[in-house]
Amino acid sequence: MAREQLDIVTVVFANHAYRILDIELMRTRAGVPGPAAAKLVALDNPRMDWVSLAKGFGVSAVRCTTSEDFDGALAKAIASPGPQFIEAVWNSA
């Protein structure tokens, strides 16, 4: 999309964890995973910097931490030519 300058908006909902594996681990009923097992489903060490990755490919990119920020970023991205990237940071806390 960067090379062709396509009018595409990509959104990554970044929770920094591999939740589907976490769910499957819970379904085994093996109890609370220990530190080694917990590391297998974590995607935060090192934490991916999605915005820097997108910008490294020449794509306009922003990070949003609130729904209001996301609404504005999405509207702007849709109205802008060329590829656009939005990282929507999800926080369960």
PDB file of N, CA and C in Angstrom:
ATOM      1  N   MET A   1       0.820  -1.193   0.000  1.00  0.00           N
ATOM      2  CA  MET A   1       0.000   0.000   0.000  1.00  0.00           C
ATOM      3  C   MET A   1       0.863   1.255   0.000  1.00  0.00           C
ATOM      4  N   ALA A   2       2.035   1.189   0.656  1.00  0.00           N
ATOM      5  CA  ALA A   2       2.927   2.350   0.663  1.00  0.00           C
ATOM      6  C   ALA A   2       3.526   2.579  -0.724  1.00  0.00           C
ATOM      7  N   ARG A   3       4.005   1.524  -1.341  1.00  0.00           N
ATOM      8  CA  ARG A   3       4.649   1.658  -2.650  1.00  0.00           C
ATOM      9  C   ARG A   3       3.677   2.200  -3.693  1.00  0.00           C
ATOM     10  N   GLU A   4       2.451   1.730  -3.639  1.00  0.00           N
ATOM     11  CA  GLU A   4       1.447   2.131  -4.626  1.00  0.00           C
ATOM     12  C   GLU A   4       0.663   3.368  -4.206  1.00  0.00           C
ATOM     13  N   GLN A   5       0.941   3.882  -2.986  1.00  0.00           N
ATOM     14  CA  GLN A   5       0.221   5.037  -2.439  1.00  0.00           C
ATOM     15  C   GLN A   5      -1.296   4.845  -2.513  1.00  0.00           C
ATOM     16  N   LEU A   6      -1.732   3.666  -2.073  1.00  0.00           N
ATOM     17  CA  LEU A   6      -3.151   3.322  -2.100  1.00  0.00           C
ATOM     18  C   LEU A   6      -3.905   4.044  -0.989  1.00  0.00           C
ATOM     19  N   ASP A   7      -5.134   4.389  -1.261  1.00  0.00           N
ATOM     20  CA  ASP A   7      -5.994   5.044  -0.274  1.00  0.00           C
ATOM     21  C   ASP A   7      -6.588   3.973   0.644  1.00  0.00           C
ATOM     22  N   ILE A   8      -5.779   3.511   1.576  1.00  0.00           N
ATOM     23  CA  ILE A   8      -6.177   2.452   2.499  1.00  0.00           C
ATOM     24  C   ILE A   8      -5.902   2.914   3.917  1.00  0.00           C
ATOM     25  N   VAL A   9      -6.862   2.663   4.797  1.00  0.00           N
ATOM     26  CA  VAL A   9      -6.676   2.937   6.223  1.00  0.00           C
ATOM     27  C   VAL A   9      -6.525   1.600   6.932  1.00  0.00           C
ATOM     28  N   THR A  10      -5.416   1.424   7.620  1.00  0.00           N
ATOM     29  CA  THR A  10      -5.176   0.218   8.403  1.00  0.00           C
ATOM     30  C   THR A  10      -5.253   0.584   9.878  1.00  0.00           C
ATOM     31  N   VAL A  11      -6.003  -0.228  10.629  1.00  0.00           N
ATOM     32  CA  VAL A  11      -6.131  -0.011  12.072  1.00  0.00           C
ATOM     33  C   VAL A  11      -5.635  -1.259  12.783  1.00  0.00           C
ATOM     34  N   VAL A  12      -4.731  -1.064  13.730  1.00  0.00           N
ATOM     35  CA  VAL A  12      -4.284  -2.143  14.607  1.00  0.00           C
ATOM     36  C   VAL A  12      -4.814  -1.831  15.999  1.00  0.00           C
ATOM     37  N   PHE A  13      -5.606  -2.748  16.540  1.00  0.00           N
ATOM     38  CA  PHE A  13      -6.092  -2.624  17.906  1.00  0.00           C
ATOM     39  C   PHE A  13      -5.068  -3.324  18.791  1.00  0.00           C
ATOM     40  N   ALA A  14      -4.196  -2.540  19.400  1.00  0.00           N
ATOM     41  CA  ALA A  14      -3.025  -3.073  20.098  1.00  0.00           C
ATOM     42  C   ALA A  14      -3.317  -3.309  21.577  1.00  0.00           C
ATOM     43  N   ASN A  15      -3.488  -4.573  21.924  1.00  0.00           N
ATOM     44  CA  ASN A  15      -3.634  -4.923  23.343  1.00  0.00           C
ATOM     45  C   ASN A  15      -2.340  -5.543  23.875  1.00  0.00           C
ATOM     46  N   HIS A  16      -1.355  -5.704  23.008  1.00  0.00           N
ATOM     47  CA  HIS A  16      -0.017  -6.192  23.366  1.00  0.00           C
ATOM     48  C   HIS A  16      -0.037  -7.562  24.037  1.00  0.00           C
ATOM     49  N   ALA A  17      -1.005  -8.375  23.654  1.00  0.00           N
ATOM     50  CA  ALA A  17      -1.076  -9.746  24.151  1.00  0.00           C
ATOM     51  C   ALA A  17      -1.705 -10.623  23.076  1.00  0.00           C
ATOM     52  N   TYR A  18      -1.363 -11.869  23.109  1.00  0.00           N
ATOM     53  CA  TYR A  18      -1.932 -12.839  22.179  1.00  0.00           C
ATOM     54  C   TYR A  18      -3.116 -13.485  22.891  1.00  0.00           C
ATOM     55  N   ARG A  19      -4.245 -12.771  22.960  1.00  0.00           N
ATOM     56  CA  ARG A  19      -5.392 -13.163  23.783  1.00  0.00           C
ATOM     57  C   ARG A  19      -5.962 -14.539  23.427  1.00  0.00           C
ATOM     58  N   ILE A  20      -5.967 -14.891  22.166  1.00  0.00           N
ATOM     59  CA  ILE A  20      -6.548 -16.175  21.794  1.00  0.00           C
ATOM     60  C   ILE A  20      -5.761 -17.320  22.430  1.00  0.00           C
ATOM     61  N   LEU A  21      -4.434 -17.181  22.506  1.00  0.00           N
ATOM     62  CA  LEU A  21      -3.645 -18.217  23.173  1.00  0.00           C
ATOM     63  C   LEU A  21      -3.876 -18.202  24.675  1.00  0.00           C
ATOM     64  N   ASP A  22      -4.072 -17.029  25.236  1.00  0.00           N
ATOM     65  CA  ASP A  22      -4.376 -16.903  26.658  1.00  0.00           C
ATOM     66  C   ASP A  22      -5.684 -17.626  26.986  1.00  0.00           C
ATOM     67  N   ILE A  23      -6.672 -17.449  26.125  1.00  0.00           N
ATOM     68  CA  ILE A  23      -7.967 -18.119  26.310  1.00  0.00           C
ATOM     69  C   ILE A  23      -7.797 -19.632  26.210  1.00  0.00           C
ATOM     70  N   GLU A  24      -7.049 -20.075  25.211  1.00  0.00           N
ATOM     71  CA  GLU A  24      -6.833 -21.515  25.047  1.00  0.00           C
ATOM     72  C   GLU A  24      -6.073 -22.102  26.231  1.00  0.00           C
ATOM     73  N   LEU A  25      -5.130 -21.349  26.777  1.00  0.00           N
ATOM     74  CA  LEU A  25      -4.395 -21.802  27.953  1.00  0.00           C
ATOM     75  C   LEU A  25      -5.337 -21.965  29.147  1.00  0.00           C
ATOM     76  N   MET A  26      -6.270 -21.036  29.298  1.00  0.00           N
ATOM     77  CA  MET A  26      -7.256 -21.133  30.383  1.00  0.00           C
ATOM     78  C   MET A  26      -8.166 -22.348  30.194  1.00  0.00           C
ATOM     79  N   ARG A  27      -8.492 -22.655  28.947  1.00  0.00           N
ATOM     80  CA  ARG A  27      -9.387 -23.779  28.656  1.00  0.00           C
ATOM     81  C   ARG A  27      -8.771 -25.128  29.022  1.00  0.00           C
ATOM     82  N   THR A  28      -7.455 -25.181  29.167  1.00  0.00           N
ATOM     83  CA  THR A  28      -6.823 -26.437  29.555  1.00  0.00           C
ATOM     84  C   THR A  28      -7.100 -26.773  31.018  1.00  0.00           C
ATOM     85  N   ARG A  29      -7.563 -25.791  31.771  1.00  0.00           N
ATOM     86  CA  ARG A  29      -7.857 -25.929  33.203  1.00  0.00           C
ATOM     87  C   ARG A  29      -6.632 -26.376  33.986  1.00  0.00           C
ATOM     88  N   ALA A  30      -5.481 -25.916  33.534  1.00  0.00           N
ATOM     89  CA  ALA A  30      -4.229 -26.265  34.206  1.00  0.00           C
ATOM     90  C   ALA A  30      -3.916 -25.307  35.348  1.00  0.00           C
ATOM     91  N   GLY A  31      -4.811 -24.379  35.610  1.00  0.00           N
ATOM     92  CA  GLY A  31      -4.584 -23.403  36.668  1.00  0.00           C
ATOM     93  C   GLY A  31      -3.969 -22.133  36.128  1.00  0.00           C
ATOM     94  N   VAL A  32      -3.577 -21.282  37.024  1.00  0.00           N
ATOM     95  CA  VAL A  32      -2.968 -20.006  36.643  1.00  0.00           C
ATOM     96  C   VAL A  32      -1.597 -20.280  36.032  1.00  0.00           C
ATOM     97  N   PRO A  33      -1.355 -19.740  34.829  1.00  0.00           N
ATOM     98  CA  PRO A  33      -0.067 -19.998  34.201  1.00  0.00           C
ATOM     99  C   PRO A  33       1.078 -19.364  34.986  1.00  0.00           C
ATOM    100  N   GLY A  34       2.183 -20.056  35.023  1.00  0.00           N
ATOM    101  CA  GLY A  34       3.379 -19.522  35.666  1.00  0.00           C
ATOM    102  C   GLY A  34       4.052 -18.500  34.775  1.00  0.00           C
ATOM    103  N   PRO A  35       5.135 -17.912  35.258  1.00  0.00           N
ATOM    104  CA  PRO A  35       5.815 -16.864  34.485  1.00  0.00           C
ATOM    105  C   PRO A  35       6.255 -17.308  33.094  1.00  0.00           C
ATOM    106  N   ALA A  36       6.765 -18.517  32.964  1.00  0.00           N
ATOM    107  CA  ALA A  36       7.241 -18.981  31.653  1.00  0.00           C
ATOM    108  C   ALA A  36       6.080 -19.127  30.677  1.00  0.00           C
ATOM    109  N   ALA A  37       4.974 -19.687  31.130  1.00  0.00           N
ATOM    110  CA  ALA A  37       3.802 -19.845  30.260  1.00  0.00           C
ATOM    111  C   ALA A  37       3.186 -18.487  29.928  1.00  0.00           C
ATOM    112  N   ALA A  38       3.156 -17.578  30.886  1.00  0.00           N
ATOM    113  CA  ALA A  38       2.604 -16.250  30.647  1.00  0.00           C
ATOM    114  C   ALA A  38       3.402 -15.502  29.582  1.00  0.00           C
ATOM    115  N   LYS A  39       4.706 -15.701  29.537  1.00  0.00           N
ATOM    116  CA  LYS A  39       5.547 -15.049  28.525  1.00  0.00           C
ATOM    117  C   LYS A  39       5.185 -15.505  27.114  1.00  0.00           C
ATOM    118  N   LEU A  40       4.686 -16.732  26.997  1.00  0.00           N
ATOM    119  CA  LEU A  40       4.350 -17.255  25.673  1.00  0.00           C
ATOM    120  C   LEU A  40       3.189 -16.531  25.028  1.00  0.00           C
ATOM    121  N   VAL A  41       2.303 -15.928  25.811  1.00  0.00           N
ATOM    122  CA  VAL A  41       1.134 -15.250  25.249  1.00  0.00           C
ATOM    123  C   VAL A  41       1.239 -13.731  25.345  1.00  0.00           C
ATOM    124  N   ALA A  42       2.363 -13.218  25.797  1.00  0.00           N
ATOM    125  CA  ALA A  42       2.567 -11.772  25.905  1.00  0.00           C
ATOM    126  C   ALA A  42       3.265 -11.245  24.653  1.00  0.00           C
ATOM    127  N   LEU A  43       2.834 -10.096  24.200  1.00  0.00           N
ATOM    128  CA  LEU A  43       3.462  -9.454  23.045  1.00  0.00           C
ATOM    129  C   LEU A  43       3.969  -8.067  23.431  1.00  0.00           C
ATOM    130  N   ASP A  44       4.498  -7.966  24.640  1.00  0.00           N
ATOM    131  CA  ASP A  44       4.923  -6.651  25.115  1.00  0.00           C
ATOM    132  C   ASP A  44       6.383  -6.602  25.556  1.00  0.00           C
ATOM    133  N   ASN A  45       7.151  -7.620  25.229  1.00  0.00           N
ATOM    134  CA  ASN A  45       8.547  -7.614  25.614  1.00  0.00           C
ATOM    135  C   ASN A  45       9.398  -8.114  24.452  1.00  0.00           C
ATOM    136  N   PRO A  46       9.861  -7.264  23.580  1.00  0.00           N
ATOM    137  CA  PRO A  46       9.687  -5.816  23.620  1.00  0.00           C
ATOM    138  C   PRO A  46       8.327  -5.414  23.057  1.00  0.00           C
ATOM    139  N   ARG A  47       7.832  -4.276  23.509  1.00  0.00           N
ATOM    140  CA  ARG A  47       6.541  -3.762  23.027  1.00  0.00           C
ATOM    141  C   ARG A  47       6.709  -3.243  21.606  1.00  0.00           C
ATOM    142  N   MET A  48       5.840  -3.667  20.716  1.00  0.00           N
ATOM    143  CA  MET A  48       5.910  -3.235  19.319  1.00  0.00           C
ATOM    144  C   MET A  48       5.502  -1.774  19.202  1.00  0.00           C
ATOM    145  N   ASP A  49       6.271  -1.031  18.452  1.00  0.00           N
ATOM    146  CA  ASP A  49       5.952   0.357  18.177  1.00  0.00           C
ATOM    147  C   ASP A  49       5.370   0.414  16.765  1.00  0.00           C
ATOM    148  N   TRP A  50       4.069   0.161  16.672  1.00  0.00           N
ATOM    149  CA  TRP A  50       3.388   0.066  15.389  1.00  0.00           C
ATOM    150  C   TRP A  50       3.498   1.348  14.581  1.00  0.00           C
ATOM    151  N   VAL A  51       3.409   2.493  15.258  1.00  0.00           N
ATOM    152  CA  VAL A  51       3.466   3.774  14.559  1.00  0.00           C
ATOM    153  C   VAL A  51       4.831   3.965  13.903  1.00  0.00           C
ATOM    154  N   SER A  52       5.896   3.655  14.629  1.00  0.00           N
ATOM    155  CA  SER A  52       7.240   3.772  14.048  1.00  0.00           C
ATOM    156  C   SER A  52       7.424   2.814  12.880  1.00  0.00           C
ATOM    157  N   LEU A  53       6.892   1.612  12.996  1.00  0.00           N
ATOM    158  CA  LEU A  53       6.992   0.652  11.894  1.00  0.00           C
ATOM    159  C   LEU A  53       6.297   1.186  10.644  1.00  0.00           C
ATOM    160  N   ALA A  54       5.089   1.707  10.819  1.00  0.00           N
ATOM    161  CA  ALA A  54       4.351   2.251   9.669  1.00  0.00           C
ATOM    162  C   ALA A  54       5.098   3.427   9.053  1.00  0.00           C
ATOM    163  N   LYS A  55       5.555   4.332   9.909  1.00  0.00           N
ATOM    164  CA  LYS A  55       6.285   5.496   9.395  1.00  0.00           C
ATOM    165  C   LYS A  55       7.565   5.080   8.684  1.00  0.00           C
ATOM    166  N   GLY A  56       8.187   4.006   9.145  1.00  0.00           N
ATOM    167  CA  GLY A  56       9.383   3.495   8.494  1.00  0.00           C
ATOM    168  C   GLY A  56       9.131   3.041   7.067  1.00  0.00           C
ATOM    169  N   PHE A  57       7.879   2.706   6.774  1.00  0.00           N
ATOM    170  CA  PHE A  57       7.498   2.321   5.411  1.00  0.00           C
ATOM    171  C   PHE A  57       6.939   3.504   4.629  1.00  0.00           C
ATOM    172  N   GLY A  58       6.987   4.701   5.232  1.00  0.00           N
ATOM    173  CA  GLY A  58       6.497   5.885   4.547  1.00  0.00           C
ATOM    174  C   GLY A  58       5.000   6.087   4.644  1.00  0.00           C
ATOM    175  N   VAL A  59       4.385   5.489   5.641  1.00  0.00           N
ATOM    176  CA  VAL A  59       2.934   5.593   5.817  1.00  0.00           C
ATOM    177  C   VAL A  59       2.643   6.565   6.957  1.00  0.00           C
ATOM    178  N   SER A  60       1.718   7.489   6.729  1.00  0.00           N
ATOM    179  CA  SER A  60       1.278   8.388   7.799  1.00  0.00           C
ATOM    180  C   SER A  60       0.656   7.547   8.897  1.00  0.00           C
ATOM    181  N   ALA A  61       1.045   7.825  10.151  1.00  0.00           N
ATOM    182  CA  ALA A  61       0.591   6.970  11.251  1.00  0.00           C
ATOM    183  C   ALA A  61       0.380   7.772  12.523  1.00  0.00           C
ATOM    184  N   VAL A  62      -0.637   7.363  13.288  1.00  0.00           N
ATOM    185  CA  VAL A  62      -0.928   7.977  14.580  1.00  0.00           C
ATOM    186  C   VAL A  62      -1.297   6.892  15.584  1.00  0.00           C
ATOM    187  N   ARG A  63      -1.128   7.231  16.854  1.00  0.00           N
ATOM    188  CA  ARG A  63      -1.525   6.345  17.965  1.00  0.00           C
ATOM    189  C   ARG A  63      -2.667   7.032  18.707  1.00  0.00           C
ATOM    190  N   CYS A  64      -3.705   6.274  19.000  1.00  0.00           N
ATOM    191  CA  CYS A  64      -4.861   6.803  19.732  1.00  0.00           C
ATOM    192  C   CYS A  64      -5.033   6.027  21.030  1.00  0.00           C
ATOM    193  N   THR A  65      -5.308   6.755  22.097  1.00  0.00           N
ATOM    194  CA  THR A  65      -5.505   6.104  23.390  1.00  0.00           C
ATOM    195  C   THR A  65      -6.908   6.316  23.949  1.00  0.00           C
ATOM    196  N   THR A  66      -7.721   7.110  23.255  1.00  0.00           N
ATOM    197  CA  THR A  66      -9.112   7.309  23.672  1.00  0.00           C
ATOM    198  C   THR A  66     -10.023   7.119  22.469  1.00  0.00           C
ATOM    199  N   SER A  67     -11.278   6.869  22.743  1.00  0.00           N
ATOM    200  CA  SER A  67     -12.227   6.702  21.637  1.00  0.00           C
ATOM    201  C   SER A  67     -12.420   8.018  20.888  1.00  0.00           C
ATOM    202  N   GLU A  68     -12.324   9.138  21.590  1.00  0.00           N
ATOM    203  CA  GLU A  68     -12.449  10.435  20.930  1.00  0.00           C
ATOM    204  C   GLU A  68     -11.286  10.666  19.971  1.00  0.00           C
ATOM    205  N   ASP A  69     -10.072  10.339  20.417  1.00  0.00           N
ATOM    206  CA  ASP A  69      -8.900  10.450  19.534  1.00  0.00           C
ATOM    207  C   ASP A  69      -9.067   9.560  18.315  1.00  0.00           C
ATOM    208  N   PHE A  70      -9.564   8.342  18.548  1.00  0.00           N
ATOM    209  CA  PHE A  70      -9.738   7.404  17.447  1.00  0.00           C
ATOM    210  C   PHE A  70     -10.750   7.926  16.435  1.00  0.00           C
ATOM    211  N   ASP A  71     -11.873   8.455  16.921  1.00  0.00           N
ATOM    212  CA  ASP A  71     -12.891   8.991  16.009  1.00  0.00           C
ATOM    213  C   ASP A  71     -12.306  10.077  15.113  1.00  0.00           C
ATOM    214  N   GLY A  72     -11.550  11.004  15.705  1.00  0.00           N
ATOM    215  CA  GLY A  72     -10.940  12.075  14.920  1.00  0.00           C
ATOM    216  C   GLY A  72      -9.896  11.562  13.956  1.00  0.00           C
ATOM    217  N   ALA A  73      -9.064  10.625  14.420  1.00  0.00           N
ATOM    218  CA  ALA A  73      -8.013  10.074  13.565  1.00  0.00           C
ATOM    219  C   ALA A  73      -8.607   9.304  12.392  1.00  0.00           C
ATOM    220  N   LEU A  74      -9.666   8.557  12.637  1.00  0.00           N
ATOM    221  CA  LEU A  74     -10.293   7.791  11.559  1.00  0.00           C
ATOM    222  C   LEU A  74     -10.915   8.718  10.524  1.00  0.00           C
ATOM    223  N   ALA A  75     -11.601   9.746  10.982  1.00  0.00           N
ATOM    224  CA  ALA A  75     -12.202  10.702  10.045  1.00  0.00           C
ATOM    225  C   ALA A  75     -11.120  11.371   9.196  1.00  0.00           C
ATOM    226  N   LYS A  76     -10.028  11.770   9.831  1.00  0.00           N
ATOM    227  CA  LYS A  76      -8.929  12.410   9.106  1.00  0.00           C
ATOM    228  C   LYS A  76      -8.282  11.440   8.123  1.00  0.00           C
ATOM    229  N   ALA A  77      -8.088  10.190   8.548  1.00  0.00           N
ATOM    230  CA  ALA A  77      -7.455   9.193   7.684  1.00  0.00           C
ATOM    231  C   ALA A  77      -8.303   8.909   6.450  1.00  0.00           C
ATOM    232  N   ILE A  78      -9.590   8.801   6.642  1.00  0.00           N
ATOM    233  CA  ILE A  78     -10.484   8.526   5.513  1.00  0.00           C
ATOM    234  C   ILE A  78     -10.462   9.685   4.516  1.00  0.00           C
ATOM    235  N   ALA A  79     -10.331  10.900   5.030  1.00  0.00           N
ATOM    236  CA  ALA A  79     -10.340  12.077   4.166  1.00  0.00           C
ATOM    237  C   ALA A  79      -8.988  12.364   3.520  1.00  0.00           C
ATOM    238  N   SER A  80      -7.948  11.668   3.936  1.00  0.00           N
ATOM    239  CA  SER A  80      -6.595  11.935   3.432  1.00  0.00           C
ATOM    240  C   SER A  80      -6.213  10.956   2.325  1.00  0.00           C
ATOM    241  N   PRO A  81      -5.489  11.449   1.325  1.00  0.00           N
ATOM    242  CA  PRO A  81      -5.043  10.540   0.258  1.00  0.00           C
ATOM    243  C   PRO A  81      -3.872   9.683   0.718  1.00  0.00           C
ATOM    244  N   GLY A  82      -3.716   8.550   0.075  1.00  0.00           N
ATOM    245  CA  GLY A  82      -2.595   7.660   0.372  1.00  0.00           C
ATOM    246  C   GLY A  82      -2.859   6.793   1.583  1.00  0.00           C
ATOM    247  N   PRO A  83      -1.905   5.917   1.880  1.00  0.00           N
ATOM    248  CA  PRO A  83      -2.091   4.984   2.983  1.00  0.00           C
ATOM    249  C   PRO A  83      -2.033   5.700   4.334  1.00  0.00           C
ATOM    250  N   GLN A  84      -2.871   5.250   5.242  1.00  0.00           N
ATOM    251  CA  GLN A  84      -2.945   5.814   6.584  1.00  0.00           C
ATOM    252  C   GLN A  84      -2.954   4.658   7.580  1.00  0.00           C
ATOM    253  N   PHE A  85      -2.339   4.878   8.730  1.00  0.00           N
ATOM    254  CA  PHE A  85      -2.253   3.835   9.755  1.00  0.00           C
ATOM    255  C   PHE A  85      -2.673   4.409  11.100  1.00  0.00           C
ATOM    256  N   ILE A  86      -3.494   3.665  11.821  1.00  0.00           N
ATOM    257  CA  ILE A  86      -3.929   4.066  13.160  1.00  0.00           C
ATOM    258  C   ILE A  86      -3.661   2.917  14.115  1.00  0.00           C
ATOM    259  N   GLU A  87      -2.938   3.211  15.195  1.00  0.00           N
ATOM    260  CA  GLU A  87      -2.788   2.247  16.283  1.00  0.00           C
ATOM    261  C   GLU A  87      -3.770   2.659  17.373  1.00  0.00           C
ATOM    262  N   ALA A  88      -4.731   1.801  17.633  1.00  0.00           N
ATOM    263  CA  ALA A  88      -5.703   2.035  18.707  1.00  0.00           C
ATOM    264  C   ALA A  88      -5.249   1.223  19.908  1.00  0.00           C
ATOM    265  N   VAL A  89      -4.729   1.921  20.893  1.00  0.00           N
ATOM    266  CA  VAL A  89      -4.199   1.235  22.076  1.00  0.00           C
ATOM    267  C   VAL A  89      -5.363   0.863  22.984  1.00  0.00           C
ATOM    268  N   TRP A  90      -5.449  -0.423  23.247  1.00  0.00           N
ATOM    269  CA  TRP A  90      -6.521  -0.953  24.085  1.00  0.00           C
ATOM    270  C   TRP A  90      -5.945  -1.218  25.453  1.00  0.00           C
ATOM    271  N   ASN A  91      -6.624  -0.729  26.461  1.00  0.00           N
ATOM    272  CA  ASN A  91      -6.178  -0.913  27.844  1.00  0.00           C
ATOM    273  C   ASN A  91      -7.312  -1.523  28.636  1.00  0.00           C
ATOM    274  N   SER A  92      -7.097  -2.707  29.171  1.00  0.00           N
ATOM    275  CA  SER A  92      -8.150  -3.408  29.915  1.00  0.00           C
ATOM    276  C   SER A  92      -8.298  -2.886  31.326  1.00  0.00           C
ATOM    277  N   ALA A  93      -7.345  -2.088  31.799  1.00  0.00           N
ATOM    278  CA  ALA A  93      -7.404  -1.585  33.175  1.00  0.00           C
ATOM    279  C   ALA A  93      -8.325  -0.409  33.286  1.00  0.00           C
TER     280      ALA A  93
END
